[in-house]
Amino acid sequence: MVERFLRYSLENEKKIRIALLEGGAVRTLSIQVVSIDGDAFLARVPRKRAPQAFRLADVLSAGYARGDEGM
């Protein structure tokens, strides 16, 4: 299910909301996926200039961003 939302963000250039595990704590972010490569992906994160890399294994859940109901 997580990969489906990542592909949705990549193909439609839409933001999604993810929950991921970082250093033992859960963090939620609104991101826009730039590329997916095997077990990792690059995404634009608010307040950051360059896209950041994330591991798929660290993502706990994903869903539509606020105001987006999908297609």
PDB file of N, CA and C in Angstrom:
ATOM      1  N   MET A   1       0.812  -1.185   0.000  1.00  0.00           N
ATOM      2  CA  MET A   1       0.000   0.000   0.000  1.00  0.00           C
ATOM      3  C   MET A   1       0.868   1.265   0.000  1.00  0.00           C
ATOM      4  N   VAL A   2       1.972   1.242   0.710  1.00  0.00           N
ATOM      5  CA  VAL A   2       2.871   2.397   0.768  1.00  0.00           C
ATOM      6  C   VAL A   2       3.422   2.694  -0.620  1.00  0.00           C
ATOM      7  N   GLU A   3       3.835   1.652  -1.330  1.00  0.00           N
ATOM      8  CA  GLU A   3       4.407   1.839  -2.666  1.00  0.00           C
ATOM      9  C   GLU A   3       3.386   2.438  -3.620  1.00  0.00           C
ATOM     10  N   ARG A   4       2.123   2.103  -3.448  1.00  0.00           N
ATOM     11  CA  ARG A   4       1.069   2.652  -4.287  1.00  0.00           C
ATOM     12  C   ARG A   4       0.979   4.171  -4.121  1.00  0.00           C
ATOM     13  N   PHE A   5       1.045   4.652  -2.892  1.00  0.00           N
ATOM     14  CA  PHE A   5       1.004   6.088  -2.650  1.00  0.00           C
ATOM     15  C   PHE A   5       2.270   6.777  -3.158  1.00  0.00           C
ATOM     16  N   LEU A   6       3.411   6.124  -3.032  1.00  0.00           N
ATOM     17  CA  LEU A   6       4.644   6.702  -3.558  1.00  0.00           C
ATOM     18  C   LEU A   6       4.560   6.855  -5.073  1.00  0.00           C
ATOM     19  N   ARG A   7       4.051   5.830  -5.762  1.00  0.00           N
ATOM     20  CA  ARG A   7       3.877   5.911  -7.215  1.00  0.00           C
ATOM     21  C   ARG A   7       2.860   6.985  -7.592  1.00  0.00           C
ATOM     22  N   TYR A   8       1.779   7.110  -6.816  1.00  0.00           N
ATOM     23  CA  TYR A   8       0.764   8.138  -7.043  1.00  0.00           C
ATOM     24  C   TYR A   8       1.401   9.529  -7.000  1.00  0.00           C
ATOM     25  N   SER A   9       2.221   9.779  -5.992  1.00  0.00           N
ATOM     26  CA  SER A   9       2.899  11.058  -5.855  1.00  0.00           C
ATOM     27  C   SER A   9       3.847  11.310  -7.022  1.00  0.00           C
ATOM     28  N   LEU A  10       4.598  10.304  -7.416  1.00  0.00           N
ATOM     29  CA  LEU A  10       5.554  10.434  -8.507  1.00  0.00           C
ATOM     30  C   LEU A  10       4.855  10.690  -9.833  1.00  0.00           C
ATOM     31  N   GLU A  11       3.839   9.903 -10.159  1.00  0.00           N
ATOM     32  CA  GLU A  11       3.173   9.994 -11.454  1.00  0.00           C
ATOM     33  C   GLU A  11       2.303  11.236 -11.593  1.00  0.00           C
ATOM     34  N   ASN A  12       1.670  11.692 -10.508  1.00  0.00           N
ATOM     35  CA  ASN A  12       0.747  12.826 -10.568  1.00  0.00           C
ATOM     36  C   ASN A  12       1.340  14.120 -10.024  1.00  0.00           C
ATOM     37  N   GLU A  13       2.597  14.078  -9.587  1.00  0.00           N
ATOM     38  CA  GLU A  13       3.276  15.236  -9.005  1.00  0.00           C
ATOM     39  C   GLU A  13       2.443  15.872  -7.895  1.00  0.00           C
ATOM     40  N   LYS A  14       1.947  15.018  -6.991  1.00  0.00           N
ATOM     41  CA  LYS A  14       1.126  15.451  -5.857  1.00  0.00           C
ATOM     42  C   LYS A  14       1.854  15.136  -4.558  1.00  0.00           C
ATOM     43  N   LYS A  15       1.557  15.914  -3.530  1.00  0.00           N
ATOM     44  CA  LYS A  15       2.103  15.636  -2.207  1.00  0.00           C
ATOM     45  C   LYS A  15       1.322  14.509  -1.552  1.00  0.00           C
ATOM     46  N   ILE A  16       2.020  13.739  -0.746  1.00  0.00           N
ATOM     47  CA  ILE A  16       1.394  12.710   0.081  1.00  0.00           C
ATOM     48  C   ILE A  16       1.893  12.892   1.507  1.00  0.00           C
ATOM     49  N   ARG A  17       1.244  12.250   2.425  1.00  0.00           N
ATOM     50  CA  ARG A  17       1.630  12.306   3.840  1.00  0.00           C
ATOM     51  C   ARG A  17       2.186  10.936   4.217  1.00  0.00           C
ATOM     52  N   ILE A  18       3.370  10.909   4.827  1.00  0.00           N
ATOM     53  CA  ILE A  18       3.959   9.639   5.263  1.00  0.00           C
ATOM     54  C   ILE A  18       4.289   9.703   6.755  1.00  0.00           C
ATOM     55  N   ALA A  19       4.309   8.547   7.369  1.00  0.00           N
ATOM     56  CA  ALA A  19       4.798   8.386   8.738  1.00  0.00           C
ATOM     57  C   ALA A  19       6.016   7.481   8.633  1.00  0.00           C
ATOM     58  N   LEU A  20       7.136   7.912   9.187  1.00  0.00           N
ATOM     59  CA  LEU A  20       8.335   7.091   9.103  1.00  0.00           C
ATOM     60  C   LEU A  20       9.032   7.031  10.450  1.00  0.00           C
ATOM     61  N   LEU A  21       9.850   6.021  10.588  1.00  0.00           N
ATOM     62  CA  LEU A  21      10.591   5.785  11.824  1.00  0.00           C
ATOM     63  C   LEU A  21      11.991   6.355  11.668  1.00  0.00           C
ATOM     64  N   GLU A  22      12.329   7.332  12.525  1.00  0.00           N
ATOM     65  CA  GLU A  22      13.660   7.943  12.500  1.00  0.00           C
ATOM     66  C   GLU A  22      14.246   7.929  13.909  1.00  0.00           C
ATOM     67  N   GLY A  23      15.289   7.175  14.091  1.00  0.00           N
ATOM     68  CA  GLY A  23      15.963   7.133  15.384  1.00  0.00           C
ATOM     69  C   GLY A  23      15.074   6.696  16.530  1.00  0.00           C
ATOM     70  N   GLY A  24      14.151   5.787  16.278  1.00  0.00           N
ATOM     71  CA  GLY A  24      13.273   5.280  17.310  1.00  0.00           C
ATOM     72  C   GLY A  24      12.021   6.103  17.536  1.00  0.00           C
ATOM     73  N   ALA A  25      11.869   7.222  16.813  1.00  0.00           N
ATOM     74  CA  ALA A  25      10.682   8.073  16.946  1.00  0.00           C
ATOM     75  C   ALA A  25       9.911   8.108  15.633  1.00  0.00           C
ATOM     76  N   VAL A  26       8.607   8.257  15.729  1.00  0.00           N
ATOM     77  CA  VAL A  26       7.771   8.353  14.541  1.00  0.00           C
ATOM     78  C   VAL A  26       7.684   9.820  14.127  1.00  0.00           C
ATOM     79  N   ARG A  27       7.876  10.064  12.848  1.00  0.00           N
ATOM     80  CA  ARG A  27       7.837  11.415  12.294  1.00  0.00           C
ATOM     81  C   ARG A  27       6.871  11.435  11.114  1.00  0.00           C
ATOM     82  N   THR A  28       6.043  12.438  10.999  1.00  0.00           N
ATOM     83  CA  THR A  28       5.138  12.555   9.857  1.00  0.00           C
ATOM     84  C   THR A  28       5.562  13.737   8.997  1.00  0.00           C
ATOM     85  N   LEU A  29       5.484  13.540   7.678  1.00  0.00           N
ATOM     86  CA  LEU A  29       5.896  14.559   6.723  1.00  0.00           C
ATOM     87  C   LEU A  29       4.947  14.592   5.535  1.00  0.00           C
ATOM     88  N   SER A  30       4.803  15.755   4.942  1.00  0.00           N
ATOM     89  CA  SER A  30       4.153  15.876   3.640  1.00  0.00           C
ATOM     90  C   SER A  30       5.279  15.979   2.624  1.00  0.00           C
ATOM     91  N   ILE A  31       5.306  15.065   1.671  1.00  0.00           N
ATOM     92  CA  ILE A  31       6.401  15.013   0.708  1.00  0.00           C
ATOM     93  C   ILE A  31       5.862  14.895  -0.708  1.00  0.00           C
ATOM     94  N   GLN A  32       6.728  15.186  -1.678  1.00  0.00           N
ATOM     95  CA  GLN A  32       6.438  14.909  -3.083  1.00  0.00           C
ATOM     96  C   GLN A  32       7.579  14.053  -3.614  1.00  0.00           C
ATOM     97  N   VAL A  33       7.256  12.874  -4.090  1.00  0.00           N
ATOM     98  CA  VAL A  33       8.264  11.919  -4.548  1.00  0.00           C
ATOM     99  C   VAL A  33       8.855  12.380  -5.881  1.00  0.00           C
ATOM    100  N   VAL A  34      10.184  12.323  -5.980  1.00  0.00           N
ATOM    101  CA  VAL A  34      10.908  12.718  -7.184  1.00  0.00           C
ATOM    102  C   VAL A  34      11.324  11.486  -7.979  1.00  0.00           C
ATOM    103  N   SER A  35      11.775  10.434  -7.281  1.00  0.00           N
ATOM    104  CA  SER A  35      12.160   9.196  -7.949  1.00  0.00           C
ATOM    105  C   SER A  35      12.102   8.028  -6.969  1.00  0.00           C
ATOM    106  N   ILE A  36      11.909   6.844  -7.540  1.00  0.00           N
ATOM    107  CA  ILE A  36      11.890   5.612  -6.748  1.00  0.00           C
ATOM    108  C   ILE A  36      12.935   4.683  -7.336  1.00  0.00           C
ATOM    109  N   ASP A  37      13.783   4.128  -6.457  1.00  0.00           N
ATOM    110  CA  ASP A  37      14.851   3.254  -6.919  1.00  0.00           C
ATOM    111  C   ASP A  37      14.982   2.060  -5.980  1.00  0.00           C
ATOM    112  N   GLY A  38      14.354   0.954  -6.338  1.00  0.00           N
ATOM    113  CA  GLY A  38      14.460  -0.267  -5.546  1.00  0.00           C
ATOM    114  C   GLY A  38      13.901  -0.119  -4.150  1.00  0.00           C
ATOM    115  N   ASP A  39      14.774  -0.100  -3.156  1.00  0.00           N
ATOM    116  CA  ASP A  39      14.330  -0.028  -1.761  1.00  0.00           C
ATOM    117  C   ASP A  39      14.476   1.371  -1.154  1.00  0.00           C
ATOM    118  N   ALA A  40      14.604   2.392  -2.011  1.00  0.00           N
ATOM    119  CA  ALA A  40      14.730   3.776  -1.542  1.00  0.00           C
ATOM    120  C   ALA A  40      14.014   4.715  -2.508  1.00  0.00           C
ATOM    121  N   PHE A  41      13.791   5.937  -2.042  1.00  0.00           N
ATOM    122  CA  PHE A  41      13.186   6.937  -2.919  1.00  0.00           C
ATOM    123  C   PHE A  41      13.668   8.327  -2.521  1.00  0.00           C
ATOM    124  N   LEU A  42      13.609   9.253  -3.477  1.00  0.00           N
ATOM    125  CA  LEU A  42      13.955  10.646  -3.242  1.00  0.00           C
ATOM    126  C   LEU A  42      12.671  11.449  -3.189  1.00  0.00           C
ATOM    127  N   ALA A  43      12.604  12.404  -2.267  1.00  0.00           N
ATOM    128  CA  ALA A  43      11.402  13.209  -2.127  1.00  0.00           C
ATOM    129  C   ALA A  43      11.743  14.635  -1.718  1.00  0.00           C
ATOM    130  N   ARG A  44      10.911  15.559  -2.198  1.00  0.00           N
ATOM    131  CA  ARG A  44      11.022  16.949  -1.759  1.00  0.00           C
ATOM    132  C   ARG A  44      10.309  17.080  -0.429  1.00  0.00           C
ATOM    133  N   VAL A  45      10.991  17.688   0.513  1.00  0.00           N
ATOM    134  CA  VAL A  45      10.470  17.891   1.860  1.00  0.00           C
ATOM    135  C   VAL A  45      10.367  19.393   2.093  1.00  0.00           C
ATOM    136  N   PRO A  46       9.299  19.862   2.751  1.00  0.00           N
ATOM    137  CA  PRO A  46       9.185  21.298   3.016  1.00  0.00           C
ATOM    138  C   PRO A  46      10.417  21.855   3.744  1.00  0.00           C
ATOM    139  N   ARG A  47      10.782  23.067   3.392  1.00  0.00           N
ATOM    140  CA  ARG A  47      11.908  23.797   3.987  1.00  0.00           C
ATOM    141  C   ARG A  47      13.281  23.226   3.650  1.00  0.00           C
ATOM    142  N   LYS A  48      13.368  22.321   2.695  1.00  0.00           N
ATOM    143  CA  LYS A  48      14.659  21.787   2.251  1.00  0.00           C
ATOM    144  C   LYS A  48      14.815  22.083   0.763  1.00  0.00           C
ATOM    145  N   ARG A  49      15.992  22.462   0.358  1.00  0.00           N
ATOM    146  CA  ARG A  49      16.222  22.791  -1.052  1.00  0.00           C
ATOM    147  C   ARG A  49      16.371  21.535  -1.912  1.00  0.00           C
ATOM    148  N   ALA A  50      17.237  20.653  -1.501  1.00  0.00           N
ATOM    149  CA  ALA A  50      17.507  19.450  -2.291  1.00  0.00           C
ATOM    150  C   ALA A  50      16.612  18.301  -1.826  1.00  0.00           C
ATOM    151  N   PRO A  51      16.233  17.420  -2.747  1.00  0.00           N
ATOM    152  CA  PRO A  51      15.447  16.247  -2.338  1.00  0.00           C
ATOM    153  C   PRO A  51      16.225  15.373  -1.360  1.00  0.00           C
ATOM    154  N   GLN A  52      15.514  14.734  -0.449  1.00  0.00           N
ATOM    155  CA  GLN A  52      16.130  13.856   0.537  1.00  0.00           C
ATOM    156  C   GLN A  52      15.865  12.400   0.176  1.00  0.00           C
ATOM    157  N   ALA A  53      16.779  11.528   0.565  1.00  0.00           N
ATOM    158  CA  ALA A  53      16.627  10.089   0.337  1.00  0.00           C
ATOM    159  C   ALA A  53      16.002   9.437   1.566  1.00  0.00           C
ATOM    160  N   PHE A  54      15.068   8.520   1.317  1.00  0.00           N
ATOM    161  CA  PHE A  54      14.407   7.756   2.373  1.00  0.00           C
ATOM    162  C   PHE A  54      14.416   6.284   1.982  1.00  0.00           C
ATOM    163  N   ARG A  55      14.500   5.408   2.974  1.00  0.00           N
ATOM    164  CA  ARG A  55      14.403   3.970   2.732  1.00  0.00           C
ATOM    165  C   ARG A  55      12.947   3.541   2.852  1.00  0.00           C
ATOM    166  N   LEU A  56      12.510   2.655   1.966  1.00  0.00           N
ATOM    167  CA  LEU A  56      11.139   2.147   2.026  1.00  0.00           C
ATOM    168  C   LEU A  56      10.873   1.433   3.347  1.00  0.00           C
ATOM    169  N   ALA A  57      11.877   0.769   3.884  1.00  0.00           N
ATOM    170  CA  ALA A  57      11.714   0.019   5.129  1.00  0.00           C
ATOM    171  C   ALA A  57      11.396   0.929   6.319  1.00  0.00           C
ATOM    172  N   ASP A  58      11.764   2.212   6.236  1.00  0.00           N
ATOM    173  CA  ASP A  58      11.508   3.150   7.327  1.00  0.00           C
ATOM    174  C   ASP A  58      10.103   3.748   7.295  1.00  0.00           C
ATOM    175  N   VAL A  59       9.398   3.609   6.171  1.00  0.00           N
ATOM    176  CA  VAL A  59       8.065   4.189   6.033  1.00  0.00           C
ATOM    177  C   VAL A  59       7.040   3.254   6.662  1.00  0.00           C
ATOM    178  N   LEU A  60       6.323   3.758   7.654  1.00  0.00           N
ATOM    179  CA  LEU A  60       5.321   2.958   8.353  1.00  0.00           C
ATOM    180  C   LEU A  60       3.968   3.004   7.657  1.00  0.00           C
ATOM    181  N   SER A  61       3.576   4.183   7.154  1.00  0.00           N
ATOM    182  CA  SER A  61       2.302   4.318   6.452  1.00  0.00           C
ATOM    183  C   SER A  61       2.357   5.523   5.527  1.00  0.00           C
ATOM    184  N   ALA A  62       1.421   5.561   4.590  1.00  0.00           N
ATOM    185  CA  ALA A  62       1.323   6.671   3.654  1.00  0.00           C
ATOM    186  C   ALA A  62      -0.142   6.905   3.325  1.00  0.00           C
ATOM    187  N   GLY A  63      -0.464   8.131   2.973  1.00  0.00           N
ATOM    188  CA  GLY A  63      -1.844   8.471   2.633  1.00  0.00           C
ATOM    189  C   GLY A  63      -1.876   9.778   1.860  1.00  0.00           C
ATOM    190  N   TYR A  64      -3.080  10.179   1.466  1.00  0.00           N
ATOM    191  CA  TYR A  64      -3.257  11.425   0.747  1.00  0.00           C
ATOM    192  C   TYR A  64      -2.940  12.603   1.655  1.00  0.00           C
ATOM    193  N   ALA A  65      -2.353  13.648   1.072  1.00  0.00           N
ATOM    194  CA  ALA A  65      -2.092  14.866   1.831  1.00  0.00           C
ATOM    195  C   ALA A  65      -3.414  15.594   2.073  1.00  0.00           C
ATOM    196  N   ARG A  66      -3.400  16.496   2.991  1.00  0.00           N
ATOM    197  CA  ARG A  66      -4.591  17.261   3.326  1.00  0.00           C
ATOM    198  C   ARG A  66      -5.147  17.960   2.074  1.00  0.00           C
ATOM    199  N   GLY A  67      -6.440  17.799   1.847  1.00  0.00           N
ATOM    200  CA  GLY A  67      -7.104  18.415   0.717  1.00  0.00           C
ATOM    201  C   GLY A  67      -7.106  17.588  -0.552  1.00  0.00           C
ATOM    202  N   ASP A  68      -6.391  16.470  -0.569  1.00  0.00           N
ATOM    203  CA  ASP A  68      -6.332  15.611  -1.749  1.00  0.00           C
ATOM    204  C   ASP A  68      -7.171  14.362  -1.493  1.00  0.00           C
ATOM    205  N   GLU A  69      -8.083  14.075  -2.402  1.00  0.00           N
ATOM    206  CA  GLU A  69      -8.939  12.900  -2.261  1.00  0.00           C
ATOM    207  C   GLU A  69      -8.615  11.825  -3.274  1.00  0.00           C
ATOM    208  N   GLY A  70      -7.513  11.973  -3.997  1.00  0.00           N
ATOM    209  CA  GLY A  70      -7.107  10.982  -4.976  1.00  0.00           C
ATOM    210  C   GLY A  70      -7.812  11.166  -6.298  1.00  0.00           C
ATOM    211  N   MET A  71      -7.501  10.249  -7.208  1.00  0.00           N
ATOM    212  CA  MET A  71      -8.077  10.321  -8.540  1.00  0.00           C
ATOM    213  C   MET A  71      -8.888   9.085  -8.811  1.00  0.00           C
TER     214      MET A  71
END
